[in-house]
Amino acid sequence: MHPIELENIRKSFNNVHAVNNLSLKVTGGEIFGFLGTNGAGKTTTIKMLLGLIKPDDGKLSLFGKDAHDISTKKRIGFMPETAYYYPFLKAHELIAFYGELCGMDKKTIKTRTEELLVEVGLENTGKKTLKTFSKGMLQRVGIAQALLHDPDLFILDEPFTGLDPLAKIHFRDLILKLKKRGKTVFFSSHELSEAELICDRVAILKEGSSVYDGPVTEIAGDGKSNLERIFLHVLKDKKSEDINKQMEAGK
């Protein structure tokens, strides 16, 4: 049973194919990078995974169940690319708010909030409201609320966007810690260097279709065939078989 499984998923908006015949499987306990340029279909796919929109065709399941099955929601932590949090709340107040939405008891919420603020480096924010937070600090709040109910699967939409180098390092370490705890992390990104550093596998999306799906170890490290070069090949050619041939030839 895979945490995420998509089979021939299609989704169109006004006759434009946002996601076109997409199939992939994410294995439990791995960090999976879902890569592509803006408009490639990454966020639309994530919305279908979260049950916010329905696919036009194909099969989509989370932990072996339909994405709209309410029982799957308890096992998912989600962080959007741009979150619109209540600006006048403090970090601990926001996390507590999400805890109540999840049906957690107040004692557990308090304990988890204190632990998470330390884990994401926000324990000294005190009385500061969210409207005073930087982009990186808001991203940390986002990962804290996603971690709150200790889910099995984390879905992160462009988590590295807008972060400074130190914040990226901290965020990368957090994701690696989740993997060590046996969690599954699925994140969309166009930050290729970050994906290459932490992902076990990646899929590259172009015009709603997967044109590469495989282990990072197959494409990293020799300076000739790495994730950035493969990504550039993908932008020029949709055919995954051609990409694989280029990889084997070291071009």
C-alpha atoms as a PDB file:
ATOM      1  CA  MET A   1       0.000   0.000   0.000  1.00  0.00           C
ATOM      2  CA  HIS A   2       1.546   3.283  -1.143  1.00  0.00           C
ATOM      3  CA  PRO A   3       0.985   6.610   0.668  1.00  0.00           C
ATOM      4  CA  ILE A   4       0.362   8.150  -2.770  1.00  0.00           C
ATOM      5  CA  GLU A   5      -0.679   6.395  -5.956  1.00  0.00           C
ATOM      6  CA  LEU A   6      -1.847   8.076  -9.158  1.00  0.00           C
ATOM      7  CA  GLU A   7      -2.933   6.173 -12.234  1.00  0.00           C
ATOM      8  CA  ASN A   8      -3.671   7.965 -15.527  1.00  0.00           C
ATOM      9  CA  ILE A   9      -4.929  11.123 -13.807  1.00  0.00           C
ATOM     10  CA  ARG A  10      -6.371  13.858 -16.009  1.00  0.00           C
ATOM     11  CA  LYS A  11      -7.627  17.320 -15.117  1.00  0.00           C
ATOM     12  CA  SER A  12      -8.611  20.122 -17.495  1.00  0.00           C
ATOM     13  CA  PHE A  13      -9.774  23.692 -17.044  1.00  0.00           C
ATOM     14  CA  ASN A  14     -11.552  25.339 -19.977  1.00  0.00           C
ATOM     15  CA  ASN A  15     -10.201  22.703 -22.375  1.00  0.00           C
ATOM     16  CA  VAL A  16      -6.634  23.247 -21.139  1.00  0.00           C
ATOM     17  CA  HIS A  17      -4.959  20.073 -19.831  1.00  0.00           C
ATOM     18  CA  ALA A  18      -3.506  21.002 -16.441  1.00  0.00           C
ATOM     19  CA  VAL A  19      -2.714  17.355 -15.656  1.00  0.00           C
ATOM     20  CA  ASN A  20      -2.544  14.875 -18.512  1.00  0.00           C
ATOM     21  CA  ASN A  21      -2.402  11.104 -18.024  1.00  0.00           C
ATOM     22  CA  LEU A  22      -0.206  11.341 -14.922  1.00  0.00           C
ATOM     23  CA  SER A  23       0.841   8.158 -13.130  1.00  0.00           C
ATOM     24  CA  LEU A  24       3.216   7.803 -10.186  1.00  0.00           C
ATOM     25  CA  LYS A  25       3.704   5.962  -6.902  1.00  0.00           C
ATOM     26  CA  VAL A  26       5.305   7.283  -3.729  1.00  0.00           C
ATOM     27  CA  THR A  27       6.795   4.700  -1.376  1.00  0.00           C
ATOM     28  CA  GLY A  28       6.398   4.974   2.373  1.00  0.00           C
ATOM     29  CA  GLY A  29       9.307   6.605   4.197  1.00  0.00           C
ATOM     30  CA  GLU A  30      10.837   8.333   1.180  1.00  0.00           C
ATOM     31  CA  ILE A  31      11.357  11.967   0.235  1.00  0.00           C
ATOM     32  CA  PHE A  32       9.792  12.464  -3.178  1.00  0.00           C
ATOM     33  CA  GLY A  33      10.433  15.592  -5.245  1.00  0.00           C
ATOM     34  CA  PHE A  34       7.671  16.670  -7.616  1.00  0.00           C
ATOM     35  CA  LEU A  35       9.454  19.019  -9.997  1.00  0.00           C
ATOM     36  CA  GLY A  36       8.485  21.281 -12.847  1.00  0.00           C
ATOM     37  CA  THR A  37       8.276  24.865 -14.051  1.00  0.00           C
ATOM     38  CA  ASN A  38       5.409  27.178 -13.133  1.00  0.00           C
ATOM     39  CA  GLY A  39       2.247  25.958 -14.839  1.00  0.00           C
ATOM     40  CA  ALA A  40       3.459  22.372 -15.189  1.00  0.00           C
ATOM     41  CA  GLY A  41       0.552  21.030 -13.120  1.00  0.00           C
ATOM     42  CA  LYS A  42       2.202  20.574  -9.707  1.00  0.00           C
ATOM     43  CA  THR A  43      -0.269  22.543  -7.591  1.00  0.00           C
ATOM     44  CA  THR A  44      -3.278  21.130  -9.440  1.00  0.00           C
ATOM     45  CA  THR A  45      -2.023  17.637  -8.656  1.00  0.00           C
ATOM     46  CA  ILE A  46      -1.572  18.543  -4.991  1.00  0.00           C
ATOM     47  CA  LYS A  47      -5.114  19.932  -4.824  1.00  0.00           C
ATOM     48  CA  MET A  48      -6.392  16.603  -6.139  1.00  0.00           C
ATOM     49  CA  LEU A  49      -4.308  14.726  -3.559  1.00  0.00           C
ATOM     50  CA  LEU A  50      -5.869  16.844  -0.827  1.00  0.00           C
ATOM     51  CA  GLY A  51      -9.371  16.211  -2.159  1.00  0.00           C
ATOM     52  CA  LEU A  52      -9.937  19.897  -2.921  1.00  0.00           C
ATOM     53  CA  ILE A  53     -10.727  19.163  -6.559  1.00  0.00           C
ATOM     54  CA  LYS A  54     -11.639  15.952  -8.347  1.00  0.00           C
ATOM     55  CA  PRO A  55      -9.778  14.530 -11.337  1.00  0.00           C
ATOM     56  CA  ASP A  56     -11.694  14.274 -14.605  1.00  0.00           C
ATOM     57  CA  ASP A  57     -10.403  10.772 -15.135  1.00  0.00           C
ATOM     58  CA  GLY A  58      -8.055   8.218 -13.600  1.00  0.00           C
ATOM     59  CA  LYS A  59      -7.513   6.717 -10.166  1.00  0.00           C
ATOM     60  CA  LEU A  60      -5.999   8.517  -7.189  1.00  0.00           C
ATOM     61  CA  SER A  61      -5.490   6.959  -3.772  1.00  0.00           C
ATOM     62  CA  LEU A  62      -3.842   7.789  -0.436  1.00  0.00           C
ATOM     63  CA  PHE A  63      -2.864   4.868   1.767  1.00  0.00           C
ATOM     64  CA  GLY A  64      -5.005   2.667  -0.444  1.00  0.00           C
ATOM     65  CA  LYS A  65      -8.141   4.796  -0.015  1.00  0.00           C
ATOM     66  CA  ASP A  66      -9.873   7.411  -2.133  1.00  0.00           C
ATOM     67  CA  ALA A  67      -8.442  10.901  -1.610  1.00  0.00           C
ATOM     68  CA  HIS A  68     -11.896  12.119  -0.539  1.00  0.00           C
ATOM     69  CA  ASP A  69     -12.117   9.520   2.240  1.00  0.00           C
ATOM     70  CA  ILE A  70     -12.171  11.578   5.440  1.00  0.00           C
ATOM     71  CA  SER A  71      -9.993   9.038   7.273  1.00  0.00           C
ATOM     72  CA  THR A  72      -7.036   9.932   5.042  1.00  0.00           C
ATOM     73  CA  LYS A  73      -7.044  13.553   6.212  1.00  0.00           C
ATOM     74  CA  LYS A  74      -5.849  12.602   9.689  1.00  0.00           C
ATOM     75  CA  ARG A  75      -2.721  11.080   8.177  1.00  0.00           C
ATOM     76  CA  ILE A  76      -1.740  14.123   6.075  1.00  0.00           C
ATOM     77  CA  GLY A  77       0.118  17.298   6.982  1.00  0.00           C
ATOM     78  CA  PHE A  78      -0.023  20.059   4.357  1.00  0.00           C
ATOM     79  CA  MET A  79       1.890  23.274   3.891  1.00  0.00           C
ATOM     80  CA  PRO A  80       0.817  25.515   0.994  1.00  0.00           C
ATOM     81  CA  GLU A  81       3.225  27.653  -0.998  1.00  0.00           C
ATOM     82  CA  THR A  82       1.552  30.845   0.182  1.00  0.00           C
ATOM     83  CA  ALA A  83      -0.452  30.649   3.375  1.00  0.00           C
ATOM     84  CA  TYR A  84      -2.747  33.451   4.463  1.00  0.00           C
ATOM     85  CA  TYR A  85      -2.560  33.251   8.226  1.00  0.00           C
ATOM     86  CA  TYR A  86      -4.436  35.562  10.578  1.00  0.00           C
ATOM     87  CA  PRO A  87      -1.938  38.458  10.877  1.00  0.00           C
ATOM     88  CA  PHE A  88      -2.803  39.463  14.439  1.00  0.00           C
ATOM     89  CA  LEU A  89      -2.293  36.008  15.931  1.00  0.00           C
ATOM     90  CA  LYS A  90       0.963  34.931  17.534  1.00  0.00           C
ATOM     91  CA  ALA A  91       2.706  31.751  16.405  1.00  0.00           C
ATOM     92  CA  HIS A  92       1.552  29.655  19.370  1.00  0.00           C
ATOM     93  CA  GLU A  93      -2.004  30.963  18.972  1.00  0.00           C
ATOM     94  CA  LEU A  94      -2.118  29.975  15.314  1.00  0.00           C
ATOM     95  CA  ILE A  95      -0.796  26.481  16.007  1.00  0.00           C
ATOM     96  CA  ALA A  96      -3.331  26.060  18.821  1.00  0.00           C
ATOM     97  CA  PHE A  97      -6.092  27.139  16.440  1.00  0.00           C
ATOM     98  CA  TYR A  98      -5.131  24.419  13.968  1.00  0.00           C
ATOM     99  CA  GLY A  99      -4.907  21.905  16.796  1.00  0.00           C
ATOM    100  CA  GLU A 100      -8.501  22.602  17.759  1.00  0.00           C
ATOM    101  CA  LEU A 101      -9.561  22.211  14.139  1.00  0.00           C
ATOM    102  CA  CYS A 102      -7.903  18.775  14.196  1.00  0.00           C
ATOM    103  CA  GLY A 103      -9.874  17.817  17.300  1.00  0.00           C
ATOM    104  CA  MET A 104      -6.823  17.631  19.563  1.00  0.00           C
ATOM    105  CA  ASP A 105      -7.226  18.145  23.315  1.00  0.00           C
ATOM    106  CA  LYS A 106      -5.853  21.322  24.893  1.00  0.00           C
ATOM    107  CA  LYS A 107      -3.130  19.591  26.908  1.00  0.00           C
ATOM    108  CA  THR A 108      -1.715  17.841  23.840  1.00  0.00           C
ATOM    109  CA  ILE A 109      -1.928  21.047  21.812  1.00  0.00           C
ATOM    110  CA  LYS A 110       0.028  22.973  24.461  1.00  0.00           C
ATOM    111  CA  THR A 111       2.738  20.314  24.715  1.00  0.00           C
ATOM    112  CA  ARG A 112       3.088  19.863  20.954  1.00  0.00           C
ATOM    113  CA  THR A 113       3.106  23.629  20.336  1.00  0.00           C
ATOM    114  CA  GLU A 114       5.984  24.163  22.749  1.00  0.00           C
ATOM    115  CA  GLU A 115       7.946  21.293  21.185  1.00  0.00           C
ATOM    116  CA  LEU A 116       7.321  22.440  17.613  1.00  0.00           C
ATOM    117  CA  LEU A 117       8.226  26.083  18.186  1.00  0.00           C
ATOM    118  CA  VAL A 118      11.615  24.893  19.414  1.00  0.00           C
ATOM    119  CA  GLU A 119      11.964  22.432  16.541  1.00  0.00           C
ATOM    120  CA  VAL A 120      11.312  25.093  13.879  1.00  0.00           C
ATOM    121  CA  GLY A 121      13.333  27.785  15.636  1.00  0.00           C
ATOM    122  CA  LEU A 122      10.491  30.083  16.693  1.00  0.00           C
ATOM    123  CA  GLU A 123      10.644  29.601  20.469  1.00  0.00           C
ATOM    124  CA  ASN A 124      11.800  33.194  21.005  1.00  0.00           C
ATOM    125  CA  THR A 125       9.110  34.953  18.982  1.00  0.00           C
ATOM    126  CA  GLY A 126       7.153  35.638  22.188  1.00  0.00           C
ATOM    127  CA  LYS A 127       4.452  38.245  21.692  1.00  0.00           C
ATOM    128  CA  LYS A 128       5.282  39.001  18.076  1.00  0.00           C
ATOM    129  CA  THR A 129       2.295  38.743  15.753  1.00  0.00           C
ATOM    130  CA  LEU A 130       2.448  36.977  12.403  1.00  0.00           C
ATOM    131  CA  LYS A 131       2.194  40.248  10.493  1.00  0.00           C
ATOM    132  CA  THR A 132       5.744  41.051  11.687  1.00  0.00           C
ATOM    133  CA  PHE A 133       7.170  37.695  10.507  1.00  0.00           C
ATOM    134  CA  SER A 134       9.511  37.356   7.542  1.00  0.00           C
ATOM    135  CA  LYS A 135       8.839  34.922   4.710  1.00  0.00           C
ATOM    136  CA  GLY A 136      11.168  32.380   6.269  1.00  0.00           C
ATOM    137  CA  MET A 137       9.499  32.684   9.673  1.00  0.00           C
ATOM    138  CA  LEU A 138       6.058  32.178   8.127  1.00  0.00           C
ATOM    139  CA  GLN A 139       7.364  29.078   6.354  1.00  0.00           C
ATOM    140  CA  ARG A 140       8.484  27.774   9.739  1.00  0.00           C
ATOM    141  CA  VAL A 141       5.032  28.408  11.169  1.00  0.00           C
ATOM    142  CA  GLY A 142       3.655  26.525   8.172  1.00  0.00           C
ATOM    143  CA  ILE A 143       5.753  23.438   8.809  1.00  0.00           C
ATOM    144  CA  ALA A 144       4.874  23.582  12.526  1.00  0.00           C
ATOM    145  CA  GLN A 145       1.145  23.459  11.823  1.00  0.00           C
ATOM    146  CA  ALA A 146       1.724  20.620   9.349  1.00  0.00           C
ATOM    147  CA  LEU A 147       3.644  18.663  12.016  1.00  0.00           C
ATOM    148  CA  LEU A 148       1.174  19.331  14.809  1.00  0.00           C
ATOM    149  CA  HIS A 149      -0.935  16.161  14.623  1.00  0.00           C
ATOM    150  CA  ASP A 150       2.081  13.943  13.782  1.00  0.00           C
ATOM    151  CA  PRO A 151       0.832  12.780  10.344  1.00  0.00           C
ATOM    152  CA  ASP A 152       2.349   9.979   8.272  1.00  0.00           C
ATOM    153  CA  LEU A 153       2.458  11.919   4.992  1.00  0.00           C
ATOM    154  CA  PHE A 154       3.621  15.494   4.469  1.00  0.00           C
ATOM    155  CA  ILE A 155       2.615  17.331   1.310  1.00  0.00           C
ATOM    156  CA  LEU A 156       4.564  20.553   0.853  1.00  0.00           C
ATOM    157  CA  ASP A 157       3.938  22.965  -2.010  1.00  0.00           C
ATOM    158  CA  GLU A 158       7.102  24.879  -2.986  1.00  0.00           C
ATOM    159  CA  PRO A 159       8.495  24.876   0.581  1.00  0.00           C
ATOM    160  CA  PHE A 160      11.847  26.488  -0.331  1.00  0.00           C
ATOM    161  CA  THR A 161      10.481  29.454  -2.276  1.00  0.00           C
ATOM    162  CA  GLY A 162      11.662  32.794  -0.908  1.00  0.00           C
ATOM    163  CA  LEU A 163      13.850  31.374   1.850  1.00  0.00           C
ATOM    164  CA  ASP A 164      17.328  32.724   2.587  1.00  0.00           C
ATOM    165  CA  PRO A 165      20.267  30.246   2.640  1.00  0.00           C
ATOM    166  CA  LEU A 166      20.173  29.697   6.412  1.00  0.00           C
ATOM    167  CA  ALA A 167      16.429  29.116   6.386  1.00  0.00           C
ATOM    168  CA  LYS A 168      16.825  26.611   3.544  1.00  0.00           C
ATOM    169  CA  ILE A 169      19.415  24.659   5.512  1.00  0.00           C
ATOM    170  CA  HIS A 170      17.163  24.595   8.575  1.00  0.00           C
ATOM    171  CA  PHE A 171      14.154  23.543   6.521  1.00  0.00           C
ATOM    172  CA  ARG A 172      16.153  20.844   4.726  1.00  0.00           C
ATOM    173  CA  ASP A 173      17.267  19.436   8.073  1.00  0.00           C
ATOM    174  CA  LEU A 174      13.653  19.340   9.261  1.00  0.00           C
ATOM    175  CA  ILE A 175      12.601  17.313   6.220  1.00  0.00           C
ATOM    176  CA  LEU A 176      15.482  14.867   6.723  1.00  0.00           C
ATOM    177  CA  LYS A 177      14.448  14.447  10.369  1.00  0.00           C
ATOM    178  CA  LEU A 178      10.946  13.531   9.226  1.00  0.00           C
ATOM    179  CA  LYS A 179      12.368  10.819   7.006  1.00  0.00           C
ATOM    180  CA  LYS A 180      14.400   9.415   9.918  1.00  0.00           C
ATOM    181  CA  ARG A 181      11.150   9.148  11.853  1.00  0.00           C
ATOM    182  CA  GLY A 182       9.687   7.028   9.052  1.00  0.00           C
ATOM    183  CA  LYS A 183       7.501   9.767   7.586  1.00  0.00           C
ATOM    184  CA  THR A 184       6.815  10.211   3.877  1.00  0.00           C
ATOM    185  CA  VAL A 185       7.508  13.639   2.374  1.00  0.00           C
ATOM    186  CA  PHE A 186       6.102  14.714  -0.995  1.00  0.00           C
ATOM    187  CA  PHE A 187       7.073  18.212  -2.053  1.00  0.00           C
ATOM    188  CA  SER A 188       6.732  20.212  -5.227  1.00  0.00           C
ATOM    189  CA  SER A 189       9.546  22.535  -6.203  1.00  0.00           C
ATOM    190  CA  HIS A 190      11.599  24.170  -8.902  1.00  0.00           C
ATOM    191  CA  GLU A 191      14.548  24.438  -6.490  1.00  0.00           C
ATOM    192  CA  LEU A 192      16.600  21.725  -8.190  1.00  0.00           C
ATOM    193  CA  SER A 193      19.631  21.935  -5.901  1.00  0.00           C
ATOM    194  CA  GLU A 194      17.488  21.354  -2.821  1.00  0.00           C
ATOM    195  CA  ALA A 195      15.712  18.409  -4.422  1.00  0.00           C
ATOM    196  CA  GLU A 196      19.027  16.855  -5.417  1.00  0.00           C
ATOM    197  CA  LEU A 197      20.344  17.151  -1.860  1.00  0.00           C
ATOM    198  CA  ILE A 198      17.483  15.471  -0.004  1.00  0.00           C
ATOM    199  CA  CYS A 199      15.238  13.498  -2.364  1.00  0.00           C
ATOM    200  CA  ASP A 200      15.261   9.742  -2.753  1.00  0.00           C
ATOM    201  CA  ARG A 201      13.289   9.973  -5.990  1.00  0.00           C
ATOM    202  CA  VAL A 202      11.969  12.710  -8.239  1.00  0.00           C
ATOM    203  CA  ALA A 203       9.372  13.062 -10.943  1.00  0.00           C
ATOM    204  CA  ILE A 204       9.649  15.867 -13.483  1.00  0.00           C
ATOM    205  CA  LEU A 205       6.426  17.275 -14.850  1.00  0.00           C
ATOM    206  CA  LYS A 206       5.962  19.029 -18.175  1.00  0.00           C
ATOM    207  CA  GLU A 207       2.588  20.242 -19.434  1.00  0.00           C
ATOM    208  CA  GLY A 208       0.835  18.010 -16.931  1.00  0.00           C
ATOM    209  CA  SER A 209       2.678  14.805 -17.828  1.00  0.00           C
ATOM    210  CA  SER A 210       5.549  12.996 -16.147  1.00  0.00           C
ATOM    211  CA  VAL A 211       8.605  12.918 -18.380  1.00  0.00           C
ATOM    212  CA  TYR A 212      11.033  11.506 -15.817  1.00  0.00           C
ATOM    213  CA  ASP A 213      10.495   9.404 -12.698  1.00  0.00           C
ATOM    214  CA  GLY A 214      13.416   7.782 -10.928  1.00  0.00           C
ATOM    215  CA  PRO A 215      15.997   7.744  -8.118  1.00  0.00           C
ATOM    216  CA  VAL A 216      18.157  10.815  -7.622  1.00  0.00           C
ATOM    217  CA  THR A 217      21.214   8.562  -7.314  1.00  0.00           C
ATOM    218  CA  GLU A 218      20.909   7.725 -11.004  1.00  0.00           C
ATOM    219  CA  ILE A 219      21.332  11.335 -12.092  1.00  0.00           C
ATOM    220  CA  ALA A 220      23.520  12.997  -9.473  1.00  0.00           C
ATOM    221  CA  GLY A 221      27.202  13.280  -8.883  1.00  0.00           C
ATOM    222  CA  ASP A 222      29.186  12.990 -12.123  1.00  0.00           C
ATOM    223  CA  GLY A 223      28.930  16.604 -13.262  1.00  0.00           C
ATOM    224  CA  LYS A 224      27.700  15.518 -16.690  1.00  0.00           C
ATOM    225  CA  SER A 225      24.336  14.031 -15.854  1.00  0.00           C
ATOM    226  CA  ASN A 226      22.695  15.721 -12.872  1.00  0.00           C
ATOM    227  CA  LEU A 227      19.223  16.912 -11.960  1.00  0.00           C
ATOM    228  CA  GLU A 228      19.706  20.361 -13.461  1.00  0.00           C
ATOM    229  CA  ARG A 229      20.881  18.982 -16.809  1.00  0.00           C
ATOM    230  CA  ILE A 230      18.093  16.413 -16.911  1.00  0.00           C
ATOM    231  CA  PHE A 231      15.602  19.166 -16.158  1.00  0.00           C
ATOM    232  CA  LEU A 232      16.938  21.201 -19.084  1.00  0.00           C
ATOM    233  CA  HIS A 233      16.632  18.178 -21.373  1.00  0.00           C
ATOM    234  CA  VAL A 234      13.054  17.744 -20.207  1.00  0.00           C
ATOM    235  CA  LEU A 235      12.170  21.288 -21.191  1.00  0.00           C
ATOM    236  CA  LYS A 236      13.411  20.597 -24.708  1.00  0.00           C
ATOM    237  CA  ASP A 237      11.977  17.138 -25.193  1.00  0.00           C
ATOM    238  CA  LYS A 238       8.836  15.534 -23.789  1.00  0.00           C
ATOM    239  CA  LYS A 239       9.867  11.960 -24.534  1.00  0.00           C
ATOM    240  CA  SER A 240      11.208  10.246 -21.435  1.00  0.00           C
ATOM    241  CA  GLU A 241      12.893   7.551 -23.508  1.00  0.00           C
ATOM    242  CA  ASP A 242      15.024  10.172 -25.215  1.00  0.00           C
ATOM    243  CA  ILE A 243      15.937  11.637 -21.830  1.00  0.00           C
ATOM    244  CA  ASN A 244      16.984   8.241 -20.534  1.00  0.00           C
ATOM    245  CA  LYS A 245      19.173   7.706 -23.592  1.00  0.00           C
ATOM    246  CA  GLN A 246      20.833  11.074 -23.004  1.00  0.00           C
ATOM    247  CA  MET A 247      21.449  10.127 -19.377  1.00  0.00           C
ATOM    248  CA  GLU A 248      23.057   6.837 -20.345  1.00  0.00           C
ATOM    249  CA  ALA A 249      25.270   8.585 -22.878  1.00  0.00           C
ATOM    250  CA  GLY A 250      26.302  11.188 -20.263  1.00  0.00           C
ATOM    251  CA  LYS A 251      25.218  14.107 -22.376  1.00  0.00           C
END
